[in-house]
Amino acid sequence: MNRKLVPKGIRILPLKVRKGRALIYVYRPNALECDLADHRSRGLLLRYGYTPGDSNRCVIHLIRRLRSDGEFPHEIGLFLSYPPEDVLGFILNKACHHKCIGCWKVYGDEQMAKSIFRKYEECSKIYSQQWEQGKSIEQLTVAG
């Protein structure tokens, strides 16, 4: 899949494989760089031993944290484009006291998050319909 999708700006990595199951990370390295460059993201990454400024090293550190027997790395939300204030809120509040839930638990700007959730839902619906009509992953992938 990487041979087909890397030219479109997408990379696929197995983050963790265990008992016949795999956690797969599909991402755009350019978008990840931007997400991790946010000053709030950088502060959170430093707290957990990451090297902000080098997204590849950050992904490698995330893989190490996922594969260790330690606490689940909830900062993974930063790698999924969740707002840093929501990732931090989740960690500090131990997943409680959120304002709303959609693709993630919201602790910051509830209206912005709800707007994003609606867009994700609409996009998912459109792509699912296209998939059901026979479009391939390559055809559905927008170059970025």
N, C-alpha and C. Protein backbone atom coordinates (compact mmCIF):
# COMPACT_ATOMS: atom_id res chain seq x y z
N MET A 1 0.82 -1.20 0.00
CA MET A 1 0.00 0.00 0.00
C MET A 1 0.86 1.27 0.00
N ASN A 2 1.99 1.22 0.72
CA ASN A 2 2.84 2.41 0.74
C ASN A 2 3.33 2.79 -0.66
N ARG A 3 3.64 1.79 -1.49
CA ARG A 3 4.08 2.09 -2.85
C ARG A 3 3.02 2.89 -3.61
N LYS A 4 1.77 2.59 -3.34
CA LYS A 4 0.68 3.28 -4.04
C LYS A 4 0.35 4.63 -3.41
N LEU A 5 0.49 4.75 -2.10
CA LEU A 5 0.01 5.94 -1.42
C LEU A 5 1.07 6.97 -1.07
N VAL A 6 2.32 6.56 -0.93
CA VAL A 6 3.38 7.54 -0.63
C VAL A 6 3.44 8.64 -1.69
N PRO A 7 3.30 8.32 -2.98
CA PRO A 7 3.30 9.40 -3.98
C PRO A 7 2.16 10.41 -3.79
N LYS A 8 1.12 10.01 -3.07
CA LYS A 8 0.01 10.91 -2.79
C LYS A 8 0.16 11.59 -1.43
N GLY A 9 1.30 11.38 -0.79
CA GLY A 9 1.58 12.05 0.48
C GLY A 9 1.11 11.31 1.72
N ILE A 10 0.83 10.03 1.58
CA ILE A 10 0.32 9.24 2.71
C ILE A 10 1.28 8.11 3.02
N ARG A 11 1.47 7.85 4.31
CA ARG A 11 2.32 6.76 4.77
C ARG A 11 1.51 5.87 5.70
N ILE A 12 1.80 4.57 5.65
CA ILE A 12 1.12 3.59 6.49
C ILE A 12 2.18 2.84 7.29
N LEU A 13 1.99 2.79 8.61
CA LEU A 13 2.94 2.09 9.49
C LEU A 13 2.20 1.21 10.49
N PRO A 14 2.70 0.01 10.73
CA PRO A 14 2.15 -0.78 11.84
C PRO A 14 2.77 -0.25 13.14
N LEU A 15 1.94 0.23 14.05
CA LEU A 15 2.45 0.77 15.31
C LEU A 15 2.67 -0.34 16.33
N LYS A 16 1.76 -1.32 16.31
CA LYS A 16 1.84 -2.40 17.28
C LYS A 16 1.14 -3.62 16.70
N VAL A 17 1.78 -4.78 16.84
CA VAL A 17 1.18 -6.03 16.40
C VAL A 17 1.20 -6.97 17.59
N ARG A 18 0.01 -7.52 17.90
CA ARG A 18 -0.07 -8.38 19.08
C ARG A 18 -1.23 -9.35 18.93
N LYS A 19 -0.97 -10.61 19.18
CA LYS A 19 -2.00 -11.65 19.14
C LYS A 19 -2.82 -11.62 17.85
N GLY A 20 -2.12 -11.50 16.73
CA GLY A 20 -2.79 -11.54 15.44
C GLY A 20 -3.56 -10.27 15.08
N ARG A 21 -3.37 -9.21 15.85
CA ARG A 21 -4.04 -7.93 15.59
C ARG A 21 -2.99 -6.86 15.40
N ALA A 22 -3.34 -5.84 14.60
CA ALA A 22 -2.38 -4.77 14.34
C ALA A 22 -3.04 -3.41 14.51
N LEU A 23 -2.30 -2.50 15.10
CA LEU A 23 -2.70 -1.10 15.18
C LEU A 23 -1.95 -0.40 14.06
N ILE A 24 -2.67 0.08 13.06
CA ILE A 24 -2.08 0.67 11.87
C ILE A 24 -2.26 2.18 11.90
N TYR A 25 -1.21 2.89 11.59
CA TYR A 25 -1.23 4.36 11.55
C TYR A 25 -1.14 4.79 10.09
N VAL A 26 -2.18 5.47 9.63
CA VAL A 26 -2.22 6.03 8.28
C VAL A 26 -2.19 7.54 8.45
N TYR A 27 -1.19 8.19 7.86
CA TYR A 27 -1.03 9.62 8.10
C TYR A 27 -0.32 10.31 6.95
N ARG A 28 -0.40 11.62 6.97
CA ARG A 28 0.32 12.46 6.02
C ARG A 28 1.48 13.09 6.78
N PRO A 29 2.72 12.71 6.47
CA PRO A 29 3.87 13.27 7.19
C PRO A 29 3.89 14.80 7.22
N ASN A 30 3.50 15.46 6.14
CA ASN A 30 3.50 16.93 6.14
C ASN A 30 2.50 17.49 7.14
N ALA A 31 1.33 16.88 7.22
CA ALA A 31 0.31 17.35 8.17
C ALA A 31 0.76 17.07 9.60
N LEU A 32 1.40 15.91 9.82
CA LEU A 32 1.89 15.57 11.15
C LEU A 32 2.93 16.59 11.60
N GLU A 33 3.82 16.96 10.70
CA GLU A 33 4.83 17.97 11.04
C GLU A 33 4.18 19.26 11.54
N CYS A 34 3.15 19.70 10.83
CA CYS A 34 2.43 20.92 11.23
C CYS A 34 1.76 20.74 12.58
N ASP A 35 1.09 19.60 12.78
CA ASP A 35 0.41 19.35 14.05
C ASP A 35 1.38 19.36 15.22
N LEU A 36 2.53 18.71 15.04
CA LEU A 36 3.48 18.59 16.14
C LEU A 36 4.30 19.86 16.36
N ALA A 37 4.24 20.79 15.40
CA ALA A 37 4.97 22.06 15.53
C ALA A 37 4.23 23.05 16.43
N ASP A 38 2.96 22.83 16.68
CA ASP A 38 2.18 23.71 17.56
C ASP A 38 2.87 23.79 18.93
N HIS A 39 2.97 24.99 19.49
CA HIS A 39 3.70 25.15 20.75
C HIS A 39 3.09 24.34 21.89
N ARG A 40 1.76 24.18 21.89
CA ARG A 40 1.12 23.38 22.95
C ARG A 40 1.45 21.90 22.75
N SER A 41 1.50 21.45 21.49
CA SER A 41 1.87 20.07 21.20
C SER A 41 3.31 19.81 21.62
N ARG A 42 4.19 20.74 21.30
CA ARG A 42 5.61 20.59 21.62
C ARG A 42 5.81 20.41 23.13
N GLY A 43 5.12 21.21 23.92
CA GLY A 43 5.24 21.11 25.37
C GLY A 43 4.79 19.75 25.88
N LEU A 44 3.71 19.26 25.35
CA LEU A 44 3.19 17.95 25.76
C LEU A 44 4.14 16.83 25.32
N LEU A 45 4.67 16.95 24.11
CA LEU A 45 5.61 15.94 23.62
C LEU A 45 6.86 15.89 24.48
N LEU A 46 7.38 17.05 24.85
CA LEU A 46 8.58 17.09 25.70
C LEU A 46 8.34 16.38 27.02
N ARG A 47 7.15 16.56 27.57
CA ARG A 47 6.80 15.94 28.85
C ARG A 47 6.91 14.42 28.79
N TYR A 48 6.70 13.84 27.60
CA TYR A 48 6.72 12.38 27.45
C TYR A 48 7.96 11.87 26.72
N GLY A 49 9.00 12.69 26.66
CA GLY A 49 10.28 12.25 26.13
C GLY A 49 10.45 12.28 24.62
N TYR A 50 9.57 12.98 23.92
CA TYR A 50 9.68 13.08 22.47
C TYR A 50 10.70 14.15 22.10
N THR A 51 11.10 14.14 20.82
CA THR A 51 12.00 15.14 20.28
C THR A 51 11.20 16.02 19.32
N PRO A 52 10.54 17.06 19.83
CA PRO A 52 9.76 17.92 18.94
C PRO A 52 10.67 18.52 17.87
N GLY A 53 10.13 18.71 16.70
CA GLY A 53 10.92 19.25 15.61
C GLY A 53 11.37 18.17 14.64
N ASP A 54 11.23 16.92 15.04
CA ASP A 54 11.57 15.80 14.16
C ASP A 54 10.42 14.80 14.22
N SER A 55 9.47 14.96 13.31
CA SER A 55 8.26 14.13 13.36
C SER A 55 8.56 12.64 13.18
N ASN A 56 9.59 12.30 12.39
CA ASN A 56 9.93 10.88 12.23
C ASN A 56 10.39 10.28 13.56
N ARG A 57 11.22 11.02 14.28
CA ARG A 57 11.67 10.53 15.60
C ARG A 57 10.51 10.46 16.58
N CYS A 58 9.56 11.38 16.44
CA CYS A 58 8.38 11.35 17.30
C CYS A 58 7.56 10.09 17.05
N VAL A 59 7.40 9.72 15.79
CA VAL A 59 6.65 8.50 15.46
C VAL A 59 7.37 7.28 16.02
N ILE A 60 8.68 7.25 15.90
CA ILE A 60 9.46 6.12 16.43
C ILE A 60 9.29 6.04 17.95
N HIS A 61 9.31 7.19 18.63
CA HIS A 61 9.13 7.20 20.09
C HIS A 61 7.71 6.74 20.45
N LEU A 62 6.73 7.16 19.68
CA LEU A 62 5.35 6.71 19.92
C LEU A 62 5.27 5.18 19.79
N ILE A 63 5.89 4.63 18.77
CA ILE A 63 5.90 3.17 18.59
C ILE A 63 6.52 2.50 19.80
N ARG A 64 7.63 3.02 20.28
CA ARG A 64 8.28 2.44 21.47
C ARG A 64 7.34 2.49 22.67
N ARG A 65 6.67 3.62 22.85
CA ARG A 65 5.75 3.75 23.99
C ARG A 65 4.57 2.80 23.86
N LEU A 66 4.04 2.63 22.65
CA LEU A 66 2.93 1.70 22.44
C LEU A 66 3.34 0.26 22.68
N ARG A 67 4.56 -0.07 22.33
CA ARG A 67 5.03 -1.45 22.45
C ARG A 67 5.56 -1.78 23.83
N SER A 68 5.75 -0.78 24.67
CA SER A 68 6.22 -1.04 26.03
C SER A 68 5.03 -1.51 26.87
N ASP A 69 5.33 -1.99 28.04
CA ASP A 69 4.27 -2.44 28.94
C ASP A 69 3.79 -1.33 29.86
N GLY A 70 4.24 -0.11 29.58
CA GLY A 70 3.86 1.02 30.43
C GLY A 70 2.45 1.51 30.15
N GLU A 71 2.15 2.66 30.69
CA GLU A 71 0.84 3.29 30.52
C GLU A 71 0.59 3.62 29.05
N PHE A 72 -0.66 3.52 28.62
CA PHE A 72 -1.00 3.84 27.23
C PHE A 72 -0.64 5.30 26.95
N PRO A 73 0.00 5.57 25.82
CA PRO A 73 0.41 6.95 25.50
C PRO A 73 -0.75 7.80 24.95
N HIS A 74 -1.49 8.41 25.84
CA HIS A 74 -2.66 9.20 25.43
C HIS A 74 -2.29 10.41 24.57
N GLU A 75 -1.02 10.77 24.55
CA GLU A 75 -0.58 11.84 23.66
C GLU A 75 -0.72 11.42 22.19
N ILE A 76 -1.09 10.19 21.95
CA ILE A 76 -1.31 9.71 20.59
C ILE A 76 -2.33 10.60 19.87
N GLY A 77 -3.20 11.24 20.62
CA GLY A 77 -4.17 12.16 20.01
C GLY A 77 -3.51 13.25 19.18
N LEU A 78 -2.32 13.67 19.58
CA LEU A 78 -1.59 14.69 18.81
C LEU A 78 -1.23 14.15 17.43
N PHE A 79 -1.01 12.84 17.34
CA PHE A 79 -0.64 12.20 16.07
C PHE A 79 -1.87 11.95 15.20
N LEU A 80 -3.05 12.19 15.78
CA LEU A 80 -4.31 11.99 15.06
C LEU A 80 -5.00 13.32 14.76
N SER A 81 -4.24 14.41 14.92
CA SER A 81 -4.73 15.78 14.66
C SER A 81 -5.79 16.25 15.64
N TYR A 82 -5.85 15.66 16.83
CA TYR A 82 -6.76 16.16 17.85
C TYR A 82 -6.19 17.48 18.37
N PRO A 83 -7.03 18.42 18.74
CA PRO A 83 -6.51 19.69 19.29
C PRO A 83 -5.69 19.44 20.56
N PRO A 84 -4.54 20.08 20.66
CA PRO A 84 -3.68 19.86 21.84
C PRO A 84 -4.39 20.11 23.17
N GLU A 85 -5.29 21.11 23.22
CA GLU A 85 -5.98 21.37 24.48
C GLU A 85 -6.89 20.21 24.87
N ASP A 86 -7.41 19.49 23.88
CA ASP A 86 -8.25 18.34 24.18
C ASP A 86 -7.41 17.14 24.61
N VAL A 87 -6.25 16.96 24.02
CA VAL A 87 -5.35 15.88 24.42
C VAL A 87 -4.88 16.12 25.85
N LEU A 88 -4.46 17.34 26.13
CA LEU A 88 -4.03 17.68 27.49
C LEU A 88 -5.18 17.54 28.48
N GLY A 89 -6.35 18.02 28.10
CA GLY A 89 -7.53 17.89 28.97
C GLY A 89 -7.85 16.45 29.29
N PHE A 90 -7.76 15.59 28.29
CA PHE A 90 -8.02 14.16 28.48
C PHE A 90 -7.04 13.58 29.50
N ILE A 91 -5.76 13.92 29.34
CA ILE A 91 -4.73 13.39 30.24
C ILE A 91 -4.92 13.92 31.66
N LEU A 92 -5.09 15.24 31.79
CA LEU A 92 -5.20 15.84 33.13
C LEU A 92 -6.47 15.43 33.86
N ASN A 93 -7.56 15.23 33.11
CA ASN A 93 -8.85 14.89 33.71
C ASN A 93 -9.11 13.39 33.73
N LYS A 94 -8.10 12.61 33.33
CA LYS A 94 -8.22 11.15 33.31
C LYS A 94 -9.50 10.71 32.58
N ALA A 95 -9.75 11.35 31.43
CA ALA A 95 -10.87 11.03 30.53
C ALA A 95 -12.24 11.42 31.08
N CYS A 96 -12.27 12.19 32.17
CA CYS A 96 -13.54 12.63 32.76
C CYS A 96 -13.73 14.13 32.52
N HIS A 97 -14.91 14.63 32.83
CA HIS A 97 -15.23 16.06 32.82
C HIS A 97 -15.12 16.72 31.44
N HIS A 98 -15.36 15.97 30.39
CA HIS A 98 -15.31 16.51 29.03
C HIS A 98 -16.61 17.27 28.73
N LYS A 99 -16.54 18.16 27.74
CA LYS A 99 -17.69 18.96 27.33
C LYS A 99 -18.60 18.18 26.39
N CYS A 100 -18.00 17.39 25.51
CA CYS A 100 -18.76 16.55 24.59
C CYS A 100 -17.83 15.47 24.03
N ILE A 101 -18.43 14.51 23.34
CA ILE A 101 -17.66 13.42 22.73
C ILE A 101 -18.06 13.30 21.28
N GLY A 102 -17.05 13.14 20.44
CA GLY A 102 -17.26 12.85 19.02
C GLY A 102 -16.18 11.86 18.64
N CYS A 103 -15.29 12.25 17.75
CA CYS A 103 -14.14 11.40 17.41
C CYS A 103 -13.15 11.37 18.56
N TRP A 104 -13.23 12.35 19.43
CA TRP A 104 -12.39 12.42 20.63
C TRP A 104 -13.20 13.13 21.71
N LYS A 105 -12.70 13.13 22.93
CA LYS A 105 -13.35 13.85 24.03
C LYS A 105 -12.87 15.30 23.99
N VAL A 106 -13.82 16.22 24.10
CA VAL A 106 -13.54 17.64 23.94
C VAL A 106 -13.46 18.33 25.31
N TYR A 107 -12.37 19.06 25.51
CA TYR A 107 -12.16 19.84 26.73
C TYR A 107 -12.00 21.32 26.40
N GLY A 108 -11.73 21.63 25.14
CA GLY A 108 -11.50 23.00 24.71
C GLY A 108 -12.70 23.56 23.98
N ASP A 109 -12.53 23.96 22.74
CA ASP A 109 -13.55 24.64 21.94
C ASP A 109 -14.60 23.65 21.43
N GLU A 110 -15.69 23.58 22.16
CA GLU A 110 -16.75 22.61 21.87
C GLU A 110 -17.41 22.85 20.51
N GLN A 111 -17.67 24.10 20.17
CA GLN A 111 -18.34 24.40 18.89
C GLN A 111 -17.45 24.05 17.70
N MET A 112 -16.18 24.36 17.79
CA MET A 112 -15.26 24.02 16.71
C MET A 112 -15.19 22.50 16.54
N ALA A 113 -15.10 21.78 17.66
CA ALA A 113 -15.02 20.33 17.61
C ALA A 113 -16.29 19.74 17.00
N LYS A 114 -17.45 20.24 17.39
CA LYS A 114 -18.70 19.72 16.83
C LYS A 114 -18.77 19.97 15.32
N SER A 115 -18.27 21.10 14.89
CA SER A 115 -18.23 21.40 13.46
C SER A 115 -17.32 20.40 12.73
N ILE A 116 -16.17 20.11 13.31
CA ILE A 116 -15.25 19.13 12.72
C ILE A 116 -15.90 17.75 12.69
N PHE A 117 -16.57 17.37 13.78
CA PHE A 117 -17.22 16.06 13.84
C PHE A 117 -18.26 15.91 12.72
N ARG A 118 -19.02 16.98 12.47
CA ARG A 118 -20.02 16.94 11.39
C ARG A 118 -19.34 16.77 10.03
N LYS A 119 -18.25 17.49 9.82
CA LYS A 119 -17.52 17.37 8.55
C LYS A 119 -16.97 15.96 8.38
N TYR A 120 -16.39 15.39 9.44
CA TYR A 120 -15.87 14.02 9.38
C TYR A 120 -16.98 13.03 9.04
N GLU A 121 -18.12 13.21 9.67
CA GLU A 121 -19.24 12.30 9.43
C GLU A 121 -19.70 12.37 7.97
N GLU A 122 -19.82 13.58 7.44
CA GLU A 122 -20.24 13.75 6.04
C GLU A 122 -19.20 13.17 5.09
N CYS A 123 -17.95 13.44 5.35
CA CYS A 123 -16.87 12.92 4.52
C CYS A 123 -16.85 11.39 4.56
N SER A 124 -17.00 10.81 5.73
CA SER A 124 -17.03 9.35 5.87
C SER A 124 -18.17 8.75 5.08
N LYS A 125 -19.32 9.40 5.12
CA LYS A 125 -20.48 8.92 4.39
C LYS A 125 -20.21 8.92 2.88
N ILE A 126 -19.65 10.01 2.38
CA ILE A 126 -19.35 10.13 0.95
C ILE A 126 -18.33 9.08 0.52
N TYR A 127 -17.26 8.93 1.30
CA TYR A 127 -16.22 7.96 0.95
C TYR A 127 -16.75 6.53 1.05
N SER A 128 -17.58 6.24 2.02
CA SER A 128 -18.16 4.90 2.14
C SER A 128 -19.02 4.57 0.93
N GLN A 129 -19.79 5.55 0.48
CA GLN A 129 -20.62 5.34 -0.71
C GLN A 129 -19.75 5.08 -1.93
N GLN A 130 -18.69 5.86 -2.07
CA GLN A 130 -17.77 5.68 -3.20
C GLN A 130 -17.11 4.29 -3.14
N TRP A 131 -16.72 3.86 -1.95
CA TRP A 131 -16.11 2.55 -1.77
C TRP A 131 -17.09 1.45 -2.18
N GLU A 132 -18.34 1.58 -1.71
CA GLU A 132 -19.37 0.60 -2.05
C GLU A 132 -19.65 0.56 -3.55
N GLN A 133 -19.40 1.67 -4.24
CA GLN A 133 -19.61 1.72 -5.69
C GLN A 133 -18.40 1.21 -6.46
N GLY A 134 -17.38 0.74 -5.75
CA GLY A 134 -16.25 0.10 -6.40
C GLY A 134 -14.99 0.92 -6.57
N LYS A 135 -14.94 2.11 -6.02
CA LYS A 135 -13.70 2.92 -6.13
C LYS A 135 -12.61 2.26 -5.29
N SER A 136 -11.39 2.32 -5.79
CA SER A 136 -10.25 1.74 -5.07
C SER A 136 -9.70 2.75 -4.07
N ILE A 137 -8.85 2.27 -3.17
CA ILE A 137 -8.19 3.15 -2.20
C ILE A 137 -7.41 4.24 -2.94
N GLU A 138 -6.72 3.86 -4.00
CA GLU A 138 -5.93 4.84 -4.77
C GLU A 138 -6.84 5.92 -5.38
N GLN A 139 -8.01 5.50 -5.88
CA GLN A 139 -8.94 6.46 -6.47
C GLN A 139 -9.54 7.38 -5.41
N LEU A 140 -9.71 6.87 -4.22
CA LEU A 140 -10.29 7.66 -3.13
C LEU A 140 -9.29 8.58 -2.45
N THR A 141 -8.01 8.34 -2.68
CA THR A 141 -6.97 9.11 -2.01
C THR A 141 -6.67 10.41 -2.76
N VAL A 142 -6.80 11.49 -2.04
CA VAL A 142 -6.51 12.81 -2.60
C VAL A 142 -5.03 13.10 -2.36
N ALA A 143 -4.34 13.54 -3.38
CA ALA A 143 -2.93 13.90 -3.22
C ALA A 143 -2.82 15.13 -2.33
N GLY A 144 -1.86 15.11 -1.43
CA GLY A 144 -1.72 16.23 -0.51
C GLY A 144 -0.31 16.74 -0.43
